């Protein structure tokens, strides 16, 4: 999954690395931007799709 949003790419990388805390932090930041309407919603939609399709890896 590719994205124009750096936050989504970071979220995917965190999930693949097994860093649930970082992934959660990124998702919360994106949700806050969506809530305050500083994003058009595509960023939040991509995070939602990634959360359902990218498995949480195991941290080493």
Protein backbone atom coordinates (compact mmCIF):
# COMPACT_ATOMS: atom_id res chain seq x y z
CA UNK A 1 0.00 0.00 0.00
CA UNK A 2 1.48 3.33 -1.02
CA UNK A 3 0.33 6.72 0.17
CA UNK A 4 1.00 10.38 -0.49
CA UNK A 5 0.78 10.96 3.27
CA UNK A 6 3.98 10.57 5.28
CA UNK A 7 1.92 9.75 8.37
CA UNK A 8 0.37 6.74 6.63
CA UNK A 9 3.77 5.50 5.47
CA UNK A 10 5.06 5.91 9.04
CA UNK A 11 2.00 4.11 10.41
CA UNK A 12 2.53 1.17 8.06
CA UNK A 13 6.23 1.00 8.96
CA UNK A 14 5.38 1.02 12.67
CA UNK A 15 2.82 -1.78 12.26
CA UNK A 16 5.21 -3.87 10.20
CA UNK A 17 7.90 -3.38 12.85
CA UNK A 18 5.51 -4.46 15.59
CA UNK A 19 5.52 -1.03 17.25
CA UNK A 20 1.90 -0.85 18.37
CA UNK A 21 2.55 2.19 20.59
CA UNK A 22 3.95 4.26 17.72
CA UNK A 23 1.20 3.13 15.36
CA UNK A 24 -1.41 4.14 17.92
CA UNK A 25 0.25 7.52 18.43
CA UNK A 26 0.23 8.20 14.68
CA UNK A 27 -3.43 7.16 14.40
CA UNK A 28 -4.34 9.50 17.27
CA UNK A 29 -2.48 12.40 15.63
CA UNK A 30 -4.29 11.79 12.34
CA UNK A 31 -7.64 11.56 14.14
CA UNK A 32 -6.95 14.88 15.86
CA UNK A 33 -6.16 16.53 12.52
CA UNK A 34 -9.37 15.11 11.06
CA UNK A 35 -11.40 16.29 14.05
CA UNK A 36 -10.08 19.84 13.67
CA UNK A 37 -10.53 19.66 9.88
CA UNK A 38 -6.86 20.27 9.12
CA UNK A 39 -6.95 17.28 6.77
CA UNK A 40 -9.47 16.36 4.08
CA UNK A 41 -10.17 12.91 5.46
CA UNK A 42 -8.14 10.92 2.94
CA UNK A 43 -5.33 10.58 5.48
CA UNK A 44 -7.72 9.16 8.09
CA UNK A 45 -9.31 6.85 5.53
CA UNK A 46 -5.90 5.45 4.54
CA UNK A 47 -5.00 4.88 8.20
CA UNK A 48 -8.27 2.98 8.65
CA UNK A 49 -7.58 0.78 5.63
CA UNK A 50 -4.01 0.16 6.75
CA UNK A 51 -5.19 -0.82 10.23
CA UNK A 52 -7.39 -3.50 8.69
CA UNK A 53 -4.96 -4.77 6.06
CA UNK A 54 -1.44 -4.43 7.48
CA UNK A 55 -0.73 -7.05 10.14
CA UNK A 56 1.08 -6.03 13.28
CA UNK A 57 4.57 -7.47 12.99
CA UNK A 58 6.62 -8.82 15.81
CA UNK A 59 9.24 -6.58 17.33
CA UNK A 60 12.71 -8.05 17.55
